[in-house]
Amino acid sequence: MQPSAILEAALYVSDLGEAERFYGEMLGLERIAKVEGRHVFFRCGQTVLLLFNPSATVEPPAPDARLPVPPHGAIGPGHLCFAATSDEIVHWKAHLEAAGITIEADFEWPSGGRSIYFRDPFGNSLEFAEPRIWGLT
């Protein structure tokens, strides 16, 4: 047995309002859930991006919690890669640069496929890449 896909991925952010603006407005993701002070969630294709306030998620759930999600969190910047076609990467790069976001790297992988890297307002490393960098279509 092996998992068929990644259903959700999490990043940790220090300002949920700013995260909601960046991921919702700058990247155009659809917000699907929000709990003030704790998290904001976005749909991204068939995957969900979870953005958490790390100081809220390290706390264990209350004994009577409806959803007893175990504590979790991360320290330091994370990384997330969004799938994009070659043409989409051209448009994303122009969109990000027009908004004053620095592209940290833009290159072709030796096995084929392009990636661009940039940062969200919290230092997380974000990437747009062609799925073929991993032999995917």
C-alpha atoms as a PDB file:
ATOM      1  CA  MET A   1       0.000   0.000   0.000  1.00  0.00           C
ATOM      2  CA  GLN A   2       0.994   3.604  -0.577  1.00  0.00           C
ATOM      3  CA  PRO A   3      -0.820   6.935  -0.417  1.00  0.00           C
ATOM      4  CA  SER A   4      -2.329   8.087  -3.713  1.00  0.00           C
ATOM      5  CA  ALA A   5      -1.767  11.826  -3.260  1.00  0.00           C
ATOM      6  CA  ILE A   6      -1.048  14.591  -0.786  1.00  0.00           C
ATOM      7  CA  LEU A   7      -4.387  15.946   0.381  1.00  0.00           C
ATOM      8  CA  GLU A   8      -3.126  18.937   2.331  1.00  0.00           C
ATOM      9  CA  ALA A   9       0.080  20.807   3.059  1.00  0.00           C
ATOM     10  CA  ALA A  10       0.751  23.260   5.884  1.00  0.00           C
ATOM     11  CA  LEU A  11       2.811  26.388   6.276  1.00  0.00           C
ATOM     12  CA  TYR A  12       3.147  28.451   9.428  1.00  0.00           C
ATOM     13  CA  VAL A  13       2.659  32.224   9.346  1.00  0.00           C
ATOM     14  CA  SER A  14       2.886  35.000  11.926  1.00  0.00           C
ATOM     15  CA  ASP A  15      -0.007  37.131  10.619  1.00  0.00           C
ATOM     16  CA  LEU A  16      -3.133  35.337   9.410  1.00  0.00           C
ATOM     17  CA  GLY A  17      -4.671  38.513   7.978  1.00  0.00           C
ATOM     18  CA  GLU A  18      -1.613  39.201   5.850  1.00  0.00           C
ATOM     19  CA  ALA A  19      -1.467  35.512   4.877  1.00  0.00           C
ATOM     20  CA  GLU A  20      -5.104  35.634   3.793  1.00  0.00           C
ATOM     21  CA  ARG A  21      -4.401  38.709   1.657  1.00  0.00           C
ATOM     22  CA  PHE A  22      -1.242  37.259   0.083  1.00  0.00           C
ATOM     23  CA  TYR A  23      -2.535  33.777  -0.691  1.00  0.00           C
ATOM     24  CA  GLY A  24      -6.068  34.913  -1.549  1.00  0.00           C
ATOM     25  CA  GLU A  25      -5.386  38.098  -3.490  1.00  0.00           C
ATOM     26  CA  MET A  26      -1.825  37.741  -4.788  1.00  0.00           C
ATOM     27  CA  LEU A  27      -2.017  34.029  -5.614  1.00  0.00           C
ATOM     28  CA  GLY A  28      -5.771  33.890  -6.225  1.00  0.00           C
ATOM     29  CA  LEU A  29      -6.492  30.889  -4.002  1.00  0.00           C
ATOM     30  CA  GLU A  30     -10.041  30.305  -2.763  1.00  0.00           C
ATOM     31  CA  ARG A  31     -10.428  30.561   1.010  1.00  0.00           C
ATOM     32  CA  ILE A  32     -12.450  27.639   2.350  1.00  0.00           C
ATOM     33  CA  ALA A  33     -12.105  27.973   6.141  1.00  0.00           C
ATOM     34  CA  LYS A  34     -10.913  30.415   8.756  1.00  0.00           C
ATOM     35  CA  VAL A  35     -10.684  30.450  12.528  1.00  0.00           C
ATOM     36  CA  GLU A  36      -9.572  33.851  13.805  1.00  0.00           C
ATOM     37  CA  GLY A  37      -6.178  33.654  15.489  1.00  0.00           C
ATOM     38  CA  ARG A  38      -5.611  29.993  14.564  1.00  0.00           C
ATOM     39  CA  HIS A  39      -5.756  29.261  10.830  1.00  0.00           C
ATOM     40  CA  VAL A  40      -6.908  30.086   7.318  1.00  0.00           C
ATOM     41  CA  PHE A  41      -7.309  27.344   4.699  1.00  0.00           C
ATOM     42  CA  PHE A  42      -7.309  27.604   0.890  1.00  0.00           C
ATOM     43  CA  ARG A  43      -8.254  25.264  -1.937  1.00  0.00           C
ATOM     44  CA  CYS A  44      -5.537  24.730  -4.540  1.00  0.00           C
ATOM     45  CA  GLY A  45      -6.774  22.358  -7.248  1.00  0.00           C
ATOM     46  CA  GLN A  46      -7.419  19.007  -5.578  1.00  0.00           C
ATOM     47  CA  THR A  47      -5.258  19.947  -2.575  1.00  0.00           C
ATOM     48  CA  VAL A  48      -5.799  22.152   0.461  1.00  0.00           C
ATOM     49  CA  LEU A  49      -3.221  24.640   1.711  1.00  0.00           C
ATOM     50  CA  LEU A  50      -3.366  25.057   5.492  1.00  0.00           C
ATOM     51  CA  LEU A  51      -1.878  28.232   6.958  1.00  0.00           C
ATOM     52  CA  PHE A  52      -1.509  28.096  10.722  1.00  0.00           C
ATOM     53  CA  ASN A  53      -0.526  30.476  13.483  1.00  0.00           C
ATOM     54  CA  PRO A  54       2.243  28.355  15.047  1.00  0.00           C
ATOM     55  CA  SER A  55       1.635  29.625  18.570  1.00  0.00           C
ATOM     56  CA  ALA A  56      -1.974  28.363  18.385  1.00  0.00           C
ATOM     57  CA  THR A  57      -1.246  24.921  16.933  1.00  0.00           C
ATOM     58  CA  VAL A  58       1.389  23.878  19.460  1.00  0.00           C
ATOM     59  CA  GLU A  59      -1.290  23.880  22.166  1.00  0.00           C
ATOM     60  CA  PRO A  60      -2.936  20.485  22.794  1.00  0.00           C
ATOM     61  CA  PRO A  61      -6.678  20.320  22.189  1.00  0.00           C
ATOM     62  CA  ALA A  62      -9.068  20.757  25.095  1.00  0.00           C
ATOM     63  CA  PRO A  63     -10.274  17.446  26.588  1.00  0.00           C
ATOM     64  CA  ASP A  64     -13.777  18.144  25.223  1.00  0.00           C
ATOM     65  CA  ALA A  65     -12.639  19.354  21.771  1.00  0.00           C
ATOM     66  CA  ARG A  66     -14.968  18.450  18.927  1.00  0.00           C
ATOM     67  CA  LEU A  67     -11.934  17.827  16.681  1.00  0.00           C
ATOM     68  CA  PRO A  68      -9.010  16.585  18.804  1.00  0.00           C
ATOM     69  CA  VAL A  69      -6.229  17.458  16.334  1.00  0.00           C
ATOM     70  CA  PRO A  70      -2.848  16.774  17.977  1.00  0.00           C
ATOM     71  CA  PRO A  71      -0.430  19.689  18.474  1.00  0.00           C
ATOM     72  CA  HIS A  72       1.854  20.476  15.547  1.00  0.00           C
ATOM     73  CA  GLY A  73       4.051  23.225  14.198  1.00  0.00           C
ATOM     74  CA  ALA A  74       7.342  24.110  12.605  1.00  0.00           C
ATOM     75  CA  ILE A  75      10.114  26.575  13.304  1.00  0.00           C
ATOM     76  CA  GLY A  76      11.691  28.478  10.445  1.00  0.00           C
ATOM     77  CA  PRO A  77      10.660  28.934   6.839  1.00  0.00           C
ATOM     78  CA  GLY A  78       8.885  26.122   5.031  1.00  0.00           C
ATOM     79  CA  HIS A  79       8.679  25.341   1.335  1.00  0.00           C
ATOM     80  CA  LEU A  80       5.778  24.749  -1.018  1.00  0.00           C
ATOM     81  CA  CYS A  81       5.781  24.243  -4.779  1.00  0.00           C
ATOM     82  CA  PHE A  82       2.797  25.015  -7.014  1.00  0.00           C
ATOM     83  CA  ALA A  83       2.471  23.158 -10.330  1.00  0.00           C
ATOM     84  CA  ALA A  84       2.451  25.369 -13.420  1.00  0.00           C
ATOM     85  CA  THR A  85       2.972  25.059 -17.147  1.00  0.00           C
ATOM     86  CA  SER A  86       5.843  26.835 -18.866  1.00  0.00           C
ATOM     87  CA  ASP A  87       3.473  29.563 -20.111  1.00  0.00           C
ATOM     88  CA  GLU A  88       1.920  29.948 -16.646  1.00  0.00           C
ATOM     89  CA  ILE A  89       5.365  30.398 -15.107  1.00  0.00           C
ATOM     90  CA  VAL A  90       6.031  33.293 -17.507  1.00  0.00           C
ATOM     91  CA  HIS A  91       2.779  34.940 -16.410  1.00  0.00           C
ATOM     92  CA  TRP A  92       3.335  34.237 -12.699  1.00  0.00           C
ATOM     93  CA  LYS A  93       6.821  35.742 -12.856  1.00  0.00           C
ATOM     94  CA  ALA A  94       5.490  38.937 -14.465  1.00  0.00           C
ATOM     95  CA  HIS A  95       2.594  39.107 -11.972  1.00  0.00           C
ATOM     96  CA  LEU A  96       4.861  38.684  -8.954  1.00  0.00           C
ATOM     97  CA  GLU A  97       7.487  41.134 -10.174  1.00  0.00           C
ATOM     98  CA  ALA A  98       4.782  43.727 -10.957  1.00  0.00           C
ATOM     99  CA  ALA A  99       3.703  43.411  -7.318  1.00  0.00           C
ATOM    100  CA  GLY A 100       7.275  44.028  -6.139  1.00  0.00           C
ATOM    101  CA  ILE A 101       7.968  40.420  -5.172  1.00  0.00           C
ATOM    102  CA  THR A 102      11.568  39.365  -5.776  1.00  0.00           C
ATOM    103  CA  ILE A 103      12.171  36.243  -7.828  1.00  0.00           C
ATOM    104  CA  GLU A 104      15.049  34.551  -5.979  1.00  0.00           C
ATOM    105  CA  ALA A 105      15.787  31.950  -8.646  1.00  0.00           C
ATOM    106  CA  ASP A 106      14.612  31.168 -12.167  1.00  0.00           C
ATOM    107  CA  PHE A 107      16.175  28.197 -13.908  1.00  0.00           C
ATOM    108  CA  GLU A 108      15.745  25.069 -16.003  1.00  0.00           C
ATOM    109  CA  TRP A 109      16.342  21.740 -14.276  1.00  0.00           C
ATOM    110  CA  PRO A 110      18.946  19.412 -15.882  1.00  0.00           C
ATOM    111  CA  SER A 111      16.238  16.805 -16.550  1.00  0.00           C
ATOM    112  CA  GLY A 112      13.923  19.447 -18.060  1.00  0.00           C
ATOM    113  CA  GLY A 113      11.359  21.840 -16.664  1.00  0.00           C
ATOM    114  CA  ARG A 114      11.527  25.333 -15.241  1.00  0.00           C
ATOM    115  CA  SER A 115      11.155  26.637 -11.674  1.00  0.00           C
ATOM    116  CA  ILE A 116      10.855  30.085 -10.187  1.00  0.00           C
ATOM    117  CA  TYR A 117      11.306  30.700  -6.459  1.00  0.00           C
ATOM    118  CA  PHE A 118      10.074  33.582  -4.301  1.00  0.00           C
ATOM    119  CA  ARG A 119       9.085  34.217  -0.672  1.00  0.00           C
ATOM    120  CA  ASP A 120       5.771  34.869   1.017  1.00  0.00           C
ATOM    121  CA  PRO A 121       5.636  37.742   3.552  1.00  0.00           C
ATOM    122  CA  PHE A 122       6.696  35.310   6.332  1.00  0.00           C
ATOM    123  CA  GLY A 123       9.856  33.975   4.700  1.00  0.00           C
ATOM    124  CA  ASN A 124       8.371  30.705   3.430  1.00  0.00           C
ATOM    125  CA  SER A 125       9.984  29.621   0.166  1.00  0.00           C
ATOM    126  CA  LEU A 126       7.422  29.293  -2.617  1.00  0.00           C
ATOM    127  CA  GLU A 127       7.977  27.859  -6.065  1.00  0.00           C
ATOM    128  CA  PHE A 128       6.137  27.513  -9.342  1.00  0.00           C
ATOM    129  CA  ALA A 129       7.474  24.565 -11.334  1.00  0.00           C
ATOM    130  CA  GLU A 130       6.596  22.387 -14.248  1.00  0.00           C
ATOM    131  CA  PRO A 131       5.538  18.938 -13.005  1.00  0.00           C
ATOM    132  CA  ARG A 132       8.001  17.354 -15.429  1.00  0.00           C
ATOM    133  CA  ILE A 133      10.855  18.271 -13.053  1.00  0.00           C
ATOM    134  CA  TRP A 134       9.667  15.169 -11.191  1.00  0.00           C
ATOM    135  CA  GLY A 135       8.777  13.148 -14.290  1.00  0.00           C
ATOM    136  CA  LEU A 136       5.084  14.008 -13.901  1.00  0.00           C
ATOM    137  CA  THR A 137       2.781  15.325 -16.571  1.00  0.00           C
END
